[in-house]
Amino acid sequence: MRNQKMEQKKNLLEEKVISITRVTKVTSGGRHFRFSATVAVGNRKGLIGIGSGKANEVPEAIKKAIQAANKNVTKVALSEGRTIPHEATAKVGRAVVLIKPAQEGRGIIAGGAARAVLELAGVKDIVSKSLGSNTQVNVAKATLEALKMQRTPEHIAELRGKKVEEL
């Protein structure tokens, strides 16, 4: 029963390739080329996941990355179903991503990997700034971390044992 529900969720997830890179292993017999792919999956309603995979062929690497991303799907808190509750900054490696809520109709103001992650998460109005390194994989992971940091007023009230009005 539970497995069936997970399968239904996974079927509804969209996927977007963030990066494909060729990696080389130098051996005594020469160079051995493989491909590394990073993929983001999401349902545009608050579920988002990132995964990476490596294989000898590009399609195979993408398939592995999608499987890894489906395993790492998490729920993201959205306020009013369009933006985030508050500002957040996250750092992965040397990549730092700052995300801020925006007014209705502003759209997604973000570039590259951060935009892909935010779109698949279902955020409609947001301002994002990539600080530090702009390695696509790390920017995507930092964006996901910043989204995971989001707390709704309801959640904070529940943690403090108070009502939302008391905050």
N, C-alpha and C. Protein backbone atom coordinates (compact mmCIF):
# COMPACT_ATOMS: atom_id res chain seq x y z
N MET A 1 0.83 -1.20 0.00
CA MET A 1 0.00 0.00 0.00
C MET A 1 0.87 1.26 0.00
N ARG A 2 1.79 1.33 0.95
CA ARG A 2 2.68 2.50 1.07
C ARG A 2 3.55 2.63 -0.17
N ASN A 3 4.06 1.50 -0.65
CA ASN A 3 4.92 1.48 -1.83
C ASN A 3 4.16 1.99 -3.06
N GLN A 4 2.87 1.63 -3.14
CA GLN A 4 2.04 2.05 -4.26
C GLN A 4 1.87 3.58 -4.27
N LYS A 5 1.69 4.17 -3.08
CA LYS A 5 1.55 5.63 -2.98
C LYS A 5 2.84 6.32 -3.41
N MET A 6 3.98 5.77 -3.00
CA MET A 6 5.27 6.35 -3.38
C MET A 6 5.45 6.30 -4.90
N GLU A 7 5.02 5.17 -5.52
CA GLU A 7 5.13 5.03 -6.97
C GLU A 7 4.28 6.09 -7.67
N GLN A 8 3.07 6.34 -7.15
CA GLN A 8 2.19 7.34 -7.74
C GLN A 8 2.82 8.73 -7.65
N LYS A 9 3.45 9.04 -6.50
CA LYS A 9 4.11 10.33 -6.33
C LYS A 9 5.25 10.48 -7.33
N LYS A 10 6.04 9.41 -7.48
CA LYS A 10 7.21 9.46 -8.36
C LYS A 10 6.78 9.66 -9.82
N ASN A 11 5.62 9.10 -10.19
CA ASN A 11 5.15 9.26 -11.56
C ASN A 11 4.76 10.71 -11.86
N LEU A 12 4.36 11.46 -10.84
CA LEU A 12 3.93 12.84 -11.02
C LEU A 12 5.10 13.83 -11.05
N LEU A 13 6.30 13.36 -10.71
CA LEU A 13 7.45 14.25 -10.62
C LEU A 13 8.03 14.57 -12.00
N GLU A 14 8.30 15.86 -12.20
CA GLU A 14 8.99 16.30 -13.43
C GLU A 14 10.47 16.25 -13.16
N GLU A 15 11.26 16.09 -14.21
CA GLU A 15 12.70 16.08 -14.01
C GLU A 15 13.37 17.11 -14.92
N LYS A 16 14.47 17.66 -14.42
CA LYS A 16 15.23 18.65 -15.18
C LYS A 16 16.72 18.39 -14.97
N VAL A 17 17.45 18.26 -16.06
CA VAL A 17 18.89 18.01 -15.96
C VAL A 17 19.59 19.32 -15.62
N ILE A 18 20.36 19.30 -14.53
CA ILE A 18 21.08 20.50 -14.11
C ILE A 18 22.44 20.57 -14.77
N SER A 19 23.17 19.46 -14.75
CA SER A 19 24.48 19.47 -15.41
C SER A 19 24.89 18.07 -15.84
N ILE A 20 25.65 18.03 -16.92
CA ILE A 20 26.27 16.78 -17.40
C ILE A 20 27.73 17.11 -17.62
N THR A 21 28.61 16.38 -16.96
CA THR A 21 30.04 16.62 -17.12
C THR A 21 30.76 15.33 -17.47
N ARG A 22 31.86 15.46 -18.18
CA ARG A 22 32.68 14.30 -18.51
C ARG A 22 33.79 14.22 -17.49
N VAL A 23 33.90 13.09 -16.82
CA VAL A 23 34.96 12.91 -15.84
C VAL A 23 35.97 11.90 -16.39
N THR A 24 37.22 12.12 -16.07
CA THR A 24 38.29 11.29 -16.61
C THR A 24 39.08 10.63 -15.50
N LYS A 25 39.32 9.35 -15.66
CA LYS A 25 40.18 8.62 -14.74
C LYS A 25 41.41 8.22 -15.54
N VAL A 26 42.57 8.68 -15.11
CA VAL A 26 43.80 8.37 -15.84
C VAL A 26 44.40 7.10 -15.24
N THR A 27 44.52 6.08 -16.07
CA THR A 27 45.11 4.82 -15.63
C THR A 27 46.39 4.57 -16.41
N SER A 28 47.09 3.51 -16.07
CA SER A 28 48.33 3.19 -16.79
C SER A 28 48.03 2.84 -18.24
N GLY A 29 46.82 2.37 -18.50
CA GLY A 29 46.43 2.03 -19.87
C GLY A 29 45.89 3.20 -20.66
N GLY A 30 45.83 4.38 -20.05
CA GLY A 30 45.31 5.57 -20.75
C GLY A 30 44.21 6.23 -19.95
N ARG A 31 43.39 7.00 -20.66
CA ARG A 31 42.31 7.72 -19.98
C ARG A 31 41.00 6.96 -20.10
N HIS A 32 40.26 6.94 -19.00
CA HIS A 32 38.97 6.27 -18.98
C HIS A 32 37.90 7.35 -18.76
N PHE A 33 37.04 7.56 -19.77
CA PHE A 33 36.02 8.62 -19.71
C PHE A 33 34.69 8.06 -19.20
N ARG A 34 34.05 8.82 -18.32
CA ARG A 34 32.70 8.51 -17.85
C ARG A 34 31.93 9.82 -17.81
N PHE A 35 30.63 9.72 -17.58
CA PHE A 35 29.80 10.92 -17.52
C PHE A 35 29.10 11.01 -16.17
N SER A 36 29.05 12.21 -15.65
CA SER A 36 28.38 12.48 -14.39
C SER A 36 27.21 13.42 -14.67
N ALA A 37 26.02 13.04 -14.18
CA ALA A 37 24.83 13.87 -14.41
C ALA A 37 24.19 14.25 -13.08
N THR A 38 23.69 15.46 -13.00
CA THR A 38 22.94 15.92 -11.82
C THR A 38 21.55 16.33 -12.29
N VAL A 39 20.53 15.81 -11.61
CA VAL A 39 19.15 16.02 -12.02
C VAL A 39 18.32 16.49 -10.83
N ALA A 40 17.38 17.40 -11.08
CA ALA A 40 16.41 17.82 -10.05
C ALA A 40 15.05 17.28 -10.45
N VAL A 41 14.29 16.77 -9.48
CA VAL A 41 12.93 16.31 -9.74
C VAL A 41 11.98 17.04 -8.79
N GLY A 42 10.77 17.31 -9.27
CA GLY A 42 9.80 18.00 -8.42
C GLY A 42 8.41 17.94 -9.03
N ASN A 43 7.39 18.25 -8.21
CA ASN A 43 6.02 18.22 -8.72
C ASN A 43 5.41 19.61 -8.84
N ARG A 44 6.21 20.65 -8.62
CA ARG A 44 5.78 22.05 -8.69
C ARG A 44 4.71 22.39 -7.64
N LYS A 45 4.62 21.55 -6.58
CA LYS A 45 3.66 21.79 -5.50
C LYS A 45 4.31 21.62 -4.14
N GLY A 46 5.64 21.73 -4.06
CA GLY A 46 6.30 21.64 -2.77
C GLY A 46 7.21 20.44 -2.59
N LEU A 47 7.21 19.49 -3.53
CA LEU A 47 8.12 18.35 -3.44
C LEU A 47 9.31 18.59 -4.35
N ILE A 48 10.52 18.37 -3.83
CA ILE A 48 11.74 18.59 -4.63
C ILE A 48 12.84 17.64 -4.18
N GLY A 49 13.65 17.19 -5.14
CA GLY A 49 14.78 16.32 -4.82
C GLY A 49 15.89 16.51 -5.84
N ILE A 50 17.13 16.29 -5.40
CA ILE A 50 18.29 16.40 -6.29
C ILE A 50 19.09 15.11 -6.17
N GLY A 51 19.57 14.62 -7.32
CA GLY A 51 20.39 13.41 -7.30
C GLY A 51 21.44 13.46 -8.39
N SER A 52 22.50 12.67 -8.21
CA SER A 52 23.53 12.62 -9.24
C SER A 52 23.90 11.17 -9.50
N GLY A 53 24.32 10.91 -10.74
CA GLY A 53 24.70 9.56 -11.12
C GLY A 53 25.85 9.58 -12.11
N LYS A 54 26.62 8.49 -12.13
CA LYS A 54 27.76 8.38 -13.04
C LYS A 54 27.64 7.09 -13.83
N ALA A 55 27.98 7.16 -15.11
CA ALA A 55 27.96 5.96 -15.96
C ALA A 55 28.82 6.19 -17.19
N ASN A 56 29.00 5.13 -17.97
CA ASN A 56 29.82 5.23 -19.18
C ASN A 56 29.11 5.99 -20.30
N GLU A 57 27.77 6.00 -20.27
CA GLU A 57 26.99 6.70 -21.29
C GLU A 57 26.12 7.77 -20.63
N VAL A 58 25.83 8.86 -21.37
CA VAL A 58 25.05 9.97 -20.83
C VAL A 58 23.63 9.56 -20.41
N PRO A 59 22.85 8.85 -21.26
CA PRO A 59 21.49 8.50 -20.86
C PRO A 59 21.45 7.63 -19.60
N GLU A 60 22.41 6.75 -19.48
CA GLU A 60 22.51 5.87 -18.32
C GLU A 60 22.79 6.70 -17.05
N ALA A 61 23.68 7.68 -17.16
CA ALA A 61 24.02 8.55 -16.03
C ALA A 61 22.79 9.35 -15.61
N ILE A 62 22.02 9.85 -16.58
CA ILE A 62 20.81 10.62 -16.28
C ILE A 62 19.79 9.74 -15.58
N LYS A 63 19.65 8.50 -16.05
CA LYS A 63 18.71 7.55 -15.43
C LYS A 63 19.08 7.29 -13.97
N LYS A 64 20.36 7.09 -13.70
CA LYS A 64 20.84 6.87 -12.34
C LYS A 64 20.60 8.10 -11.46
N ALA A 65 20.82 9.29 -12.04
CA ALA A 65 20.62 10.54 -11.31
C ALA A 65 19.15 10.71 -10.94
N ILE A 66 18.24 10.36 -11.85
CA ILE A 66 16.80 10.47 -11.60
C ILE A 66 16.40 9.54 -10.46
N GLN A 67 16.95 8.32 -10.46
CA GLN A 67 16.66 7.37 -9.38
C GLN A 67 17.15 7.91 -8.04
N ALA A 68 18.35 8.49 -8.02
CA ALA A 68 18.91 9.06 -6.79
C ALA A 68 18.06 10.24 -6.32
N ALA A 69 17.61 11.09 -7.26
CA ALA A 69 16.79 12.25 -6.91
C ALA A 69 15.45 11.82 -6.33
N ASN A 70 14.85 10.77 -6.90
CA ASN A 70 13.57 10.27 -6.39
C ASN A 70 13.68 9.76 -4.97
N LYS A 71 14.84 9.24 -4.60
CA LYS A 71 15.06 8.75 -3.23
C LYS A 71 15.19 9.91 -2.25
N ASN A 72 15.66 11.07 -2.73
CA ASN A 72 15.93 12.22 -1.86
C ASN A 72 14.86 13.30 -1.91
N VAL A 73 13.64 12.95 -2.29
CA VAL A 73 12.56 13.94 -2.40
C VAL A 73 12.14 14.42 -1.01
N THR A 74 12.05 15.75 -0.86
CA THR A 74 11.61 16.33 0.41
C THR A 74 10.50 17.35 0.18
N LYS A 75 9.73 17.60 1.23
CA LYS A 75 8.64 18.57 1.17
C LYS A 75 9.19 19.94 1.57
N VAL A 76 8.80 20.97 0.82
CA VAL A 76 9.25 22.33 1.08
C VAL A 76 8.05 23.18 1.52
N ALA A 77 8.26 24.02 2.54
CA ALA A 77 7.19 24.88 3.04
C ALA A 77 7.03 26.10 2.14
N LEU A 78 5.84 26.26 1.58
CA LEU A 78 5.53 27.42 0.75
C LEU A 78 4.47 28.25 1.46
N SER A 79 4.58 29.57 1.36
CA SER A 79 3.54 30.41 1.97
C SER A 79 2.64 30.92 0.85
N GLU A 80 1.35 30.80 1.06
CA GLU A 80 0.32 31.19 0.08
C GLU A 80 0.45 30.39 -1.21
N GLY A 81 1.20 29.30 -1.19
CA GLY A 81 1.37 28.45 -2.37
C GLY A 81 2.15 29.08 -3.50
N ARG A 82 2.83 30.22 -3.26
CA ARG A 82 3.53 30.89 -4.35
C ARG A 82 4.93 31.36 -3.99
N THR A 83 5.20 31.63 -2.70
CA THR A 83 6.51 32.14 -2.32
C THR A 83 6.98 31.43 -1.04
N ILE A 84 8.08 31.90 -0.48
CA ILE A 84 8.62 31.28 0.73
C ILE A 84 8.28 32.15 1.94
N PRO A 85 8.21 31.56 3.15
CA PRO A 85 7.83 32.34 4.34
C PRO A 85 8.84 33.41 4.74
N HIS A 86 10.13 33.15 4.58
CA HIS A 86 11.14 34.11 5.03
C HIS A 86 12.45 33.95 4.25
N GLU A 87 13.35 34.90 4.47
CA GLU A 87 14.66 34.92 3.83
C GLU A 87 15.52 33.78 4.39
N ALA A 88 16.42 33.24 3.55
CA ALA A 88 17.34 32.19 4.02
C ALA A 88 18.61 32.19 3.19
N THR A 89 19.71 31.77 3.81
CA THR A 89 20.99 31.63 3.12
C THR A 89 21.52 30.24 3.42
N ALA A 90 22.03 29.58 2.40
CA ALA A 90 22.61 28.24 2.59
C ALA A 90 23.93 28.16 1.84
N LYS A 91 24.83 27.34 2.37
CA LYS A 91 26.16 27.21 1.78
C LYS A 91 26.48 25.73 1.57
N VAL A 92 26.90 25.39 0.37
CA VAL A 92 27.37 24.04 0.05
C VAL A 92 28.69 24.22 -0.70
N GLY A 93 29.75 23.68 -0.15
CA GLY A 93 31.07 23.92 -0.73
C GLY A 93 31.38 25.40 -0.62
N ARG A 94 31.78 26.03 -1.72
CA ARG A 94 32.01 27.48 -1.72
C ARG A 94 30.83 28.24 -2.32
N ALA A 95 29.78 27.52 -2.70
CA ALA A 95 28.61 28.17 -3.28
C ALA A 95 27.65 28.59 -2.17
N VAL A 96 27.26 29.86 -2.18
CA VAL A 96 26.32 30.39 -1.19
C VAL A 96 25.11 30.91 -1.96
N VAL A 97 23.91 30.53 -1.51
CA VAL A 97 22.69 30.98 -2.17
C VAL A 97 21.81 31.70 -1.16
N LEU A 98 21.34 32.89 -1.54
CA LEU A 98 20.44 33.70 -0.73
C LEU A 98 19.08 33.70 -1.42
N ILE A 99 18.03 33.36 -0.69
CA ILE A 99 16.68 33.41 -1.27
C ILE A 99 15.80 34.31 -0.40
N LYS A 100 14.96 35.13 -1.08
CA LYS A 100 14.08 36.07 -0.39
C LYS A 100 12.68 35.95 -0.97
N PRO A 101 11.65 36.10 -0.13
CA PRO A 101 10.28 36.11 -0.67
C PRO A 101 10.06 37.36 -1.51
N ALA A 102 9.15 37.28 -2.48
CA ALA A 102 8.87 38.42 -3.35
C ALA A 102 7.36 38.65 -3.44
N GLN A 103 6.98 39.86 -3.90
CA GLN A 103 5.57 40.19 -4.05
C GLN A 103 4.95 39.34 -5.16
N GLU A 104 3.62 39.25 -5.11
CA GLU A 104 2.90 38.47 -6.11
C GLU A 104 3.11 39.07 -7.50
N GLY A 105 3.34 38.20 -8.47
CA GLY A 105 3.53 38.63 -9.85
C GLY A 105 4.97 38.97 -10.19
N ARG A 106 5.88 38.89 -9.24
CA ARG A 106 7.28 39.24 -9.48
C ARG A 106 7.99 38.17 -10.30
N GLY A 107 7.60 36.91 -10.09
CA GLY A 107 8.20 35.80 -10.84
C GLY A 107 9.45 35.27 -10.15
N ILE A 108 10.09 34.30 -10.80
CA ILE A 108 11.31 33.71 -10.26
C ILE A 108 12.49 34.50 -10.79
N ILE A 109 13.16 35.21 -9.89
CA ILE A 109 14.34 35.97 -10.28
C ILE A 109 15.53 35.18 -9.75
N ALA A 110 16.04 34.31 -10.61
CA ALA A 110 17.16 33.44 -10.25
C ALA A 110 17.81 32.97 -11.54
N GLY A 111 19.03 32.52 -11.43
CA GLY A 111 19.74 32.08 -12.63
C GLY A 111 20.16 30.63 -12.54
N GLY A 112 20.27 30.01 -13.70
CA GLY A 112 20.85 28.68 -13.83
C GLY A 112 20.24 27.60 -12.97
N ALA A 113 21.10 26.94 -12.20
CA ALA A 113 20.69 25.78 -11.40
C ALA A 113 19.67 26.17 -10.33
N ALA A 114 19.81 27.35 -9.73
CA ALA A 114 18.88 27.80 -8.69
C ALA A 114 17.47 27.95 -9.28
N ARG A 115 17.37 28.47 -10.49
CA ARG A 115 16.07 28.64 -11.15
C ARG A 115 15.40 27.28 -11.38
N ALA A 116 16.17 26.30 -11.85
CA ALA A 116 15.62 24.96 -12.11
C ALA A 116 15.04 24.36 -10.84
N VAL A 117 15.77 24.46 -9.74
CA VAL A 117 15.32 23.89 -8.46
C VAL A 117 14.07 24.63 -7.97
N LEU A 118 14.07 25.95 -8.04
CA LEU A 118 12.94 26.74 -7.55
C LEU A 118 11.67 26.49 -8.37
N GLU A 119 11.83 26.35 -9.69
CA GLU A 119 10.69 26.08 -10.56
C GLU A 119 10.06 24.74 -10.22
N LEU A 120 10.90 23.71 -10.09
CA LEU A 120 10.40 22.37 -9.80
C LEU A 120 9.81 22.26 -8.39
N ALA A 121 10.26 23.13 -7.47
CA ALA A 121 9.71 23.13 -6.11
C ALA A 121 8.31 23.76 -6.09
N GLY A 122 7.97 24.54 -7.10
CA GLY A 122 6.66 25.17 -7.16
C GLY A 122 6.62 26.58 -6.65
N VAL A 123 7.78 27.19 -6.45
CA VAL A 123 7.84 28.59 -6.00
C VAL A 123 7.57 29.47 -7.22
N LYS A 124 6.65 30.43 -7.07
CA LYS A 124 6.29 31.28 -8.21
C LYS A 124 6.87 32.69 -8.11
N ASP A 125 7.02 33.21 -6.89
CA ASP A 125 7.58 34.56 -6.70
C ASP A 125 8.73 34.49 -5.71
N ILE A 126 9.94 34.77 -6.19
CA ILE A 126 11.11 34.68 -5.31
C ILE A 126 12.27 35.46 -5.92
N VAL A 127 13.13 35.95 -5.07
CA VAL A 127 14.37 36.60 -5.51
C VAL A 127 15.51 35.75 -4.98
N SER A 128 16.43 35.40 -5.86
CA SER A 128 17.55 34.55 -5.45
C SER A 128 18.85 35.16 -5.92
N LYS A 129 19.88 35.02 -5.10
CA LYS A 129 21.20 35.55 -5.46
C LYS A 129 22.22 34.47 -5.17
N SER A 130 23.06 34.19 -6.16
CA SER A 130 24.13 33.22 -5.98
C SER A 130 25.40 33.98 -5.62
N LEU A 131 25.94 33.67 -4.44
CA LEU A 131 27.15 34.33 -3.97
C LEU A 131 28.28 33.31 -3.94
N GLY A 132 29.49 33.74 -4.01
CA GLY A 132 30.61 32.80 -3.97
C GLY A 132 30.73 32.05 -5.28
N SER A 133 31.09 30.79 -5.20
CA SER A 133 31.29 29.95 -6.38
C SER A 133 29.97 29.72 -7.10
N ASN A 134 30.02 29.61 -8.41
CA ASN A 134 28.78 29.30 -9.12
C ASN A 134 28.86 27.94 -9.82
N THR A 135 29.39 26.95 -9.12
CA THR A 135 29.38 25.58 -9.60
C THR A 135 27.93 25.12 -9.61
N GLN A 136 27.44 24.66 -10.75
CA GLN A 136 26.02 24.34 -10.91
C GLN A 136 25.51 23.36 -9.86
N VAL A 137 26.25 22.29 -9.63
CA VAL A 137 25.81 21.26 -8.69
C VAL A 137 25.70 21.83 -7.28
N ASN A 138 26.71 22.57 -6.84
CA ASN A 138 26.70 23.13 -5.48
C ASN A 138 25.64 24.22 -5.32
N VAL A 139 25.41 25.02 -6.37
CA VAL A 139 24.37 26.05 -6.31
C VAL A 139 22.99 25.38 -6.17
N ALA A 140 22.77 24.30 -6.91
CA ALA A 140 21.50 23.57 -6.83
C ALA A 140 21.30 22.99 -5.43
N LYS A 141 22.35 22.38 -4.89
CA LYS A 141 22.26 21.79 -3.55
C LYS A 141 22.05 22.87 -2.48
N ALA A 142 22.73 24.01 -2.63
CA ALA A 142 22.57 25.11 -1.67
C ALA A 142 21.15 25.67 -1.73
N THR A 143 20.58 25.76 -2.93
CA THR A 143 19.21 26.25 -3.08
C THR A 143 18.24 25.31 -2.37
N LEU A 144 18.46 24.01 -2.53
CA LEU A 144 17.61 23.02 -1.86
C LEU A 144 17.75 23.13 -0.34
N GLU A 145 18.96 23.33 0.15
CA GLU A 145 19.19 23.49 1.59
C GLU A 145 18.46 24.73 2.12
N ALA A 146 18.53 25.83 1.37
CA ALA A 146 17.85 27.07 1.77
C ALA A 146 16.33 26.85 1.82
N LEU A 147 15.80 26.08 0.86
CA LEU A 147 14.37 25.79 0.86
C LEU A 147 13.98 24.90 2.04
N LYS A 148 14.87 23.98 2.41
CA LYS A 148 14.60 23.09 3.55
C LYS A 148 14.57 23.85 4.86
N MET A 149 15.28 24.99 4.94
CA MET A 149 15.33 25.81 6.16
C MET A 149 14.02 26.54 6.43
N GLN A 150 13.15 26.63 5.43
CA GLN A 150 11.92 27.41 5.56
C GLN A 150 11.00 26.83 6.63
N ARG A 151 10.46 27.72 7.48
CA ARG A 151 9.51 27.33 8.53
C ARG A 151 8.28 28.22 8.41
N THR A 152 7.12 27.62 8.38
CA THR A 152 5.88 28.40 8.32
C THR A 152 5.53 28.89 9.71
N PRO A 153 4.76 29.98 9.83
CA PRO A 153 4.34 30.46 11.15
C PRO A 153 3.60 29.37 11.94
N GLU A 154 2.81 28.54 11.24
CA GLU A 154 2.08 27.45 11.89
C GLU A 154 3.05 26.47 12.54
N HIS A 155 4.14 26.14 11.82
CA HIS A 155 5.13 25.19 12.33
C HIS A 155 5.85 25.75 13.56
N ILE A 156 6.22 27.02 13.50
CA ILE A 156 6.91 27.66 14.62
C ILE A 156 5.99 27.72 15.84
N ALA A 157 4.72 28.07 15.63
CA ALA A 157 3.75 28.12 16.74
C ALA A 157 3.60 26.74 17.37
N GLU A 158 3.57 25.71 16.53
CA GLU A 158 3.44 24.33 17.03
C GLU A 158 4.66 23.95 17.88
N LEU A 159 5.85 24.32 17.42
CA LEU A 159 7.08 24.02 18.16
C LEU A 159 7.11 24.71 19.52
N ARG A 160 6.59 25.94 19.57
CA ARG A 160 6.60 26.71 20.82
C ARG A 160 5.40 26.42 21.71
N GLY A 161 4.45 25.63 21.19
CA GLY A 161 3.26 25.31 21.95
C GLY A 161 2.33 26.49 22.09
N LYS A 162 2.28 27.33 21.08
CA LYS A 162 1.42 28.53 21.11
C LYS A 162 0.50 28.51 19.90
N LYS A 163 -0.40 29.50 19.84
CA LYS A 163 -1.25 29.68 18.67
C LYS A 163 -0.57 30.66 17.73
N VAL A 164 -0.94 30.61 16.45
CA VAL A 164 -0.34 31.49 15.45
C VAL A 164 -0.57 32.95 15.81
N GLU A 165 -1.73 33.28 16.38
CA GLU A 165 -2.06 34.66 16.73
C GLU A 165 -1.11 35.19 17.82
N GLU A 166 -0.60 34.30 18.70
CA GLU A 166 0.27 34.72 19.79
C GLU A 166 1.66 35.13 19.30
N LEU A 167 2.03 34.66 18.12
CA LEU A 167 3.33 35.04 17.56
C LEU A 167 3.24 36.47 17.07
